[in-house]
Amino acid sequence: MKVSQKIILSILLLLTLVVGYFSIEFIHGFSSAKQSSTVKKVEPKSVPTTLNVALIGSDARSKDENGRSDSLLVAQYNQKTQQAKLISIMRDSYVDIPGYGMNKINAAYSYGGVDLLNQTLKENFKFEAPYYASITFQDFIDCVNELFPGGVKIDAEKSLDLDGVYINKGEQVIKAISQQLKDVTSIFKLPKAVGKLLGSIQTNLPESVLLDCGMDFLKDNNKKIDTLSVPVDGSWDFNDNTPSGSVLELDLTKNQEAIKKFLNN
């Protein structure tokens, strides 16, 4: 056998081993998440170029409950231009939840899941997020720990606030994870972590779309993500005397206008 043929065969063997390893690790992670999850995947009939996706961090402790959406973000992603925008909605925002009356927005998911949450967004902020991705905090922590057992290093001057008050710090978290993924050891852990993540997420987006969006993000980790925190400055008042406890009372018109301008700009 010629030397060139041996080299080609060696390369093919190496590629086969790498692909095999990544596939096994992905399946391992996906299967382990599936065994401890009751996630029901709902495939939409068609997916538009521009997606509005509600990203829900749930505090659910039981598989039989939705839990409250203690972290609520809405991501708009254009698959053609690969442009991403992120709206952070503070969980103490006092809104009218259809059929339930005034309450904090994070109660909508607990009362009626993603359908009621989307109705609440439409009624109060005049926009919809027909797609969603929901994960419990514990599942998210497990996925991050799979990739980074030593934690994610973040240079933050202030402590992170899950309400999104420091939304720029949330962007720091995303960029920090992306940067640390460049490490060789993290790359080899990625297939299992991705499998675990896809097995843990409850979503109505096809997994192929999730993977495509994720790959777009990883290919260009220096890409700027436009962000908006709701309520916007000067559009809310603090009230600690309501049946729901301490809340943020909103000027809905100001926030509706800000969201419309942000998404359509």
Protein backbone atom coordinates (compact mmCIF):
# COMPACT_ATOMS: atom_id res chain seq x y z
CA MET A 1 0.00 0.00 0.00
CA LYS A 2 1.31 3.45 -0.94
CA VAL A 3 2.14 6.00 1.75
CA SER A 4 -0.53 8.43 0.45
CA GLN A 5 -3.20 5.73 0.71
CA LYS A 6 -2.16 4.96 4.29
CA ILE A 7 -2.43 8.64 5.18
CA ILE A 8 -5.91 8.90 3.64
CA LEU A 9 -7.08 5.76 5.44
CA SER A 10 -5.66 7.05 8.73
CA ILE A 11 -7.51 10.36 8.32
CA LEU A 12 -10.77 8.56 7.47
CA LEU A 13 -10.36 6.30 10.50
CA LEU A 14 -9.73 9.31 12.73
CA LEU A 15 -12.78 11.14 11.38
CA THR A 16 -14.90 8.03 11.91
CA LEU A 17 -13.74 7.76 15.51
CA VAL A 18 -14.40 11.46 16.19
CA VAL A 19 -17.88 11.39 14.62
CA GLY A 20 -18.65 8.17 16.46
CA TYR A 21 -17.51 9.66 19.77
CA PHE A 22 -19.55 12.84 19.28
CA SER A 23 -22.63 10.82 18.28
CA ILE A 24 -22.39 8.50 21.29
CA GLU A 25 -21.89 11.41 23.70
CA PHE A 26 -24.84 13.32 22.19
CA ILE A 27 -27.12 10.29 22.49
CA HIS A 28 -25.88 9.65 26.03
CA GLY A 29 -26.71 13.20 27.09
CA PHE A 30 -30.06 13.21 25.29
CA SER A 31 -31.08 9.85 26.75
CA SER A 32 -30.10 10.79 30.30
CA ALA A 33 -32.21 13.94 30.10
CA LYS A 34 -35.14 12.11 28.55
CA GLN A 35 -35.18 9.53 31.34
CA SER A 36 -35.75 12.26 33.93
CA SER A 37 -38.01 14.49 31.86
CA THR A 38 -41.63 14.45 30.73
CA VAL A 39 -41.03 16.97 27.96
CA LYS A 40 -43.51 16.82 25.10
CA LYS A 41 -42.19 18.04 21.76
CA VAL A 42 -44.69 19.77 19.47
CA GLU A 43 -43.50 20.29 15.92
CA PRO A 44 -44.91 23.42 14.19
CA LYS A 45 -46.11 22.98 10.61
CA SER A 46 -43.83 25.73 9.30
CA VAL A 47 -41.17 27.97 10.77
CA PRO A 48 -40.90 31.58 9.48
CA THR A 49 -37.61 33.32 8.76
CA THR A 50 -38.03 35.66 11.73
CA LEU A 51 -38.81 33.92 15.01
CA ASN A 52 -40.16 35.37 18.24
CA VAL A 53 -39.30 32.83 20.92
CA ALA A 54 -40.24 33.06 24.61
CA LEU A 55 -37.30 31.80 26.68
CA ILE A 56 -38.63 30.63 30.01
CA GLY A 57 -36.60 29.76 33.08
CA SER A 58 -39.06 27.90 35.29
CA ASP A 59 -38.85 27.31 39.03
CA ALA A 60 -40.86 24.07 38.70
CA ARG A 61 -39.84 21.39 41.18
CA SER A 62 -42.32 18.72 40.04
CA LYS A 63 -42.76 17.16 36.61
CA ASP A 64 -46.51 17.77 36.95
CA GLU A 65 -46.35 21.56 37.24
CA ASN A 66 -45.27 24.47 35.04
CA GLY A 67 -43.87 26.55 37.87
CA ARG A 68 -43.53 30.30 37.63
CA SER A 69 -41.47 31.88 34.85
CA ASP A 70 -38.88 33.37 37.19
CA SER A 71 -36.79 34.29 34.16
CA LEU A 72 -38.64 35.54 31.09
CA LEU A 73 -36.87 36.61 27.92
CA VAL A 74 -38.22 36.97 24.41
CA ALA A 75 -35.70 36.43 21.63
CA GLN A 76 -36.26 37.56 18.08
CA TYR A 77 -34.00 35.77 15.62
CA ASN A 78 -33.76 36.29 11.88
CA GLN A 79 -32.49 33.04 10.37
CA LYS A 80 -31.53 34.76 7.11
CA THR A 81 -29.50 37.69 8.50
CA GLN A 82 -28.59 35.85 11.74
CA GLN A 83 -29.55 38.99 13.68
CA ALA A 84 -30.63 38.45 17.29
CA LYS A 85 -32.61 40.73 19.60
CA LEU A 86 -33.43 40.05 23.22
CA ILE A 87 -36.22 41.48 25.40
CA SER A 88 -36.01 40.93 29.14
CA ILE A 89 -39.35 41.26 30.96
CA MET A 90 -39.07 41.76 34.70
CA ARG A 91 -40.97 39.07 36.59
CA ASP A 92 -42.64 41.59 38.95
CA SER A 93 -44.31 43.46 36.08
CA TYR A 94 -47.97 43.91 37.10
CA VAL A 95 -50.16 42.95 34.15
CA ASP A 96 -53.66 41.75 33.32
CA ILE A 97 -53.56 37.96 32.90
CA PRO A 98 -56.57 36.91 30.75
CA GLY A 99 -59.10 35.08 32.91
CA TYR A 100 -57.20 35.74 36.14
CA GLY A 101 -56.98 39.52 36.50
CA MET A 102 -54.04 41.60 37.66
CA ASN A 103 -50.94 39.72 38.81
CA LYS A 104 -47.21 39.49 38.27
CA ILE A 105 -46.40 38.36 34.75
CA ASN A 106 -44.47 35.33 36.00
CA ALA A 107 -47.77 33.86 37.27
CA ALA A 108 -49.15 33.50 33.72
CA TYR A 109 -46.96 30.49 32.91
CA SER A 110 -47.92 28.80 36.17
CA TYR A 111 -51.64 29.35 35.59
CA GLY A 112 -51.90 28.34 31.96
CA GLY A 113 -48.54 27.43 30.48
CA VAL A 114 -47.17 28.93 27.27
CA ASP A 115 -50.59 29.57 25.73
CA LEU A 116 -51.68 31.86 28.56
CA LEU A 117 -48.25 33.48 28.67
CA ASN A 118 -48.50 34.32 24.97
CA GLN A 119 -52.02 35.71 25.43
CA THR A 120 -50.69 37.86 28.27
CA LEU A 121 -47.87 39.21 26.10
CA LYS A 122 -50.32 39.99 23.29
CA GLU A 123 -52.88 41.72 25.53
CA ASN A 124 -50.42 43.83 27.49
CA PHE A 125 -47.53 44.47 25.10
CA LYS A 126 -49.17 44.02 21.68
CA PHE A 127 -46.75 41.41 20.35
CA GLU A 128 -46.68 37.63 20.27
CA ALA A 129 -44.10 34.92 20.83
CA PRO A 130 -45.69 31.89 19.14
CA TYR A 131 -42.61 29.78 19.80
CA TYR A 132 -41.09 28.95 23.15
CA ALA A 133 -38.28 27.12 24.88
CA SER A 134 -38.69 26.32 28.56
CA ILE A 135 -36.19 24.76 30.94
CA THR A 136 -36.06 24.41 34.71
CA PHE A 137 -33.20 26.11 36.51
CA GLN A 138 -31.89 22.78 37.75
CA ASP A 139 -31.73 21.33 34.23
CA PHE A 140 -29.92 24.44 33.02
CA ILE A 141 -27.42 24.18 35.88
CA ASP A 142 -26.84 20.50 35.04
CA CYS A 143 -26.07 21.37 31.40
CA VAL A 144 -23.64 24.13 32.35
CA ASN A 145 -21.95 21.87 34.91
CA GLU A 146 -21.56 19.21 32.22
CA LEU A 147 -19.55 21.69 30.15
CA PHE A 148 -17.80 23.62 32.89
CA PRO A 149 -17.40 21.65 36.14
CA GLY A 150 -15.33 24.52 37.50
CA GLY A 151 -17.97 27.12 36.69
CA VAL A 152 -18.24 29.94 34.16
CA LYS A 153 -15.82 32.83 34.67
CA ILE A 154 -17.53 36.21 34.35
CA ASP A 155 -16.04 39.67 34.82
CA ALA A 156 -19.05 41.43 36.35
CA GLU A 157 -18.87 44.59 38.40
CA LYS A 158 -22.27 43.93 39.95
CA SER A 159 -24.10 40.80 40.98
CA LEU A 160 -26.35 39.32 38.31
CA ASP A 161 -30.08 39.93 38.61
CA LEU A 162 -32.40 37.32 37.08
CA ASP A 163 -35.07 39.98 36.53
CA GLY A 164 -32.91 41.41 33.76
CA VAL A 165 -32.16 44.73 35.48
CA TYR A 166 -28.56 44.27 34.40
CA ILE A 167 -29.40 42.87 30.97
CA ASN A 168 -25.89 43.69 29.73
CA LYS A 169 -24.60 41.24 32.35
CA GLY A 170 -26.82 38.57 30.82
CA GLU A 171 -25.08 39.20 27.53
CA GLN A 172 -21.78 38.81 29.39
CA VAL A 173 -22.87 35.36 30.55
CA ILE A 174 -23.68 34.31 26.98
CA LYS A 175 -20.35 35.60 25.66
CA ALA A 176 -18.44 34.00 28.55
CA ILE A 177 -19.93 30.60 27.78
CA SER A 178 -19.17 31.04 24.08
CA GLN A 179 -15.55 32.03 24.79
CA GLN A 180 -14.95 29.10 27.14
CA LEU A 181 -16.33 26.71 24.54
CA LYS A 182 -13.18 27.40 22.51
CA ASP A 183 -11.24 25.33 25.01
CA VAL A 184 -10.46 21.88 23.57
CA THR A 185 -11.74 20.02 26.64
CA SER A 186 -15.04 21.91 26.44
CA ILE A 187 -15.44 21.03 22.77
CA PHE A 188 -15.29 17.33 23.60
CA LYS A 189 -17.89 17.81 26.34
CA LEU A 190 -20.19 19.79 24.04
CA PRO A 191 -22.03 16.88 22.34
CA LYS A 192 -23.18 15.38 25.65
CA ALA A 193 -24.15 18.80 27.03
CA VAL A 194 -26.10 19.67 23.86
CA GLY A 195 -27.85 16.32 23.98
CA LYS A 196 -28.76 16.87 27.62
CA LEU A 197 -29.99 20.39 26.84
CA LEU A 198 -32.20 19.28 23.93
CA GLY A 199 -33.58 16.47 26.06
CA SER A 200 -34.43 18.88 28.89
CA ILE A 201 -35.98 21.74 26.93
CA GLN A 202 -39.71 21.87 26.37
CA THR A 203 -40.26 23.59 23.04
CA ASN A 204 -42.46 23.71 19.96
CA LEU A 205 -39.50 24.45 17.70
CA PRO A 206 -37.96 21.61 15.68
CA GLU A 207 -34.65 20.46 17.14
CA SER A 208 -33.04 21.13 13.74
CA VAL A 209 -33.90 24.84 14.09
CA LEU A 210 -32.53 24.93 17.64
CA LEU A 211 -29.27 23.36 16.47
CA ASP A 212 -28.98 25.74 13.50
CA CYS A 213 -29.49 28.79 15.75
CA GLY A 214 -26.98 27.42 18.24
CA MET A 215 -24.37 26.81 15.54
CA ASP A 216 -24.88 30.34 14.17
CA PHE A 217 -24.20 31.68 17.67
CA LEU A 218 -21.08 29.57 18.19
CA LYS A 219 -19.64 30.47 14.77
CA ASP A 220 -19.63 34.18 15.61
CA ASN A 221 -19.39 34.79 19.35
CA ASN A 222 -18.45 38.44 18.79
CA LYS A 223 -21.82 39.19 17.24
CA LYS A 224 -23.70 41.94 19.09
CA ILE A 225 -27.07 41.04 20.58
CA ASP A 226 -29.43 44.03 20.76
CA THR A 227 -31.23 44.13 24.10
CA LEU A 228 -34.24 45.85 25.67
CA SER A 229 -35.33 45.71 29.30
CA VAL A 230 -39.08 45.94 30.02
CA PRO A 231 -40.40 48.03 31.63
CA VAL A 232 -38.35 50.75 29.96
CA ASP A 233 -37.00 53.70 31.93
CA GLY A 234 -39.64 56.17 33.11
CA SER A 235 -42.53 53.79 32.44
CA TRP A 236 -43.13 52.19 35.82
CA ASP A 237 -43.87 52.83 39.49
CA PHE A 238 -43.14 50.62 42.49
CA ASN A 239 -46.17 49.48 44.52
CA ASP A 240 -45.82 47.24 47.57
CA ASN A 241 -49.52 47.31 48.49
CA THR A 242 -51.24 44.87 46.14
CA PRO A 243 -52.74 41.37 46.55
CA SER A 244 -49.68 40.10 44.66
CA GLY A 245 -47.20 41.80 46.97
CA SER A 246 -44.55 44.21 45.69
CA VAL A 247 -45.00 44.89 41.98
CA LEU A 248 -44.03 47.23 39.15
CA GLU A 249 -47.04 49.10 37.78
CA LEU A 250 -46.47 49.82 34.10
CA ASP A 251 -47.33 52.52 31.63
CA LEU A 252 -48.34 50.01 28.97
CA THR A 253 -48.47 52.54 26.12
CA LYS A 254 -44.83 53.58 26.62
CA ASN A 255 -43.69 49.97 26.78
CA GLN A 256 -45.74 48.93 23.76
CA GLU A 257 -44.19 51.75 21.71
CA ALA A 258 -40.67 50.88 22.88
CA ILE A 259 -41.10 47.19 22.04
CA LYS A 260 -42.57 47.94 18.60
CA LYS A 261 -39.70 50.29 17.76
CA PHE A 262 -37.11 47.81 19.05
CA LEU A 263 -38.42 44.81 17.11
CA ASN A 264 -39.10 46.69 13.87
CA ASN A 265 -35.90 48.75 13.80
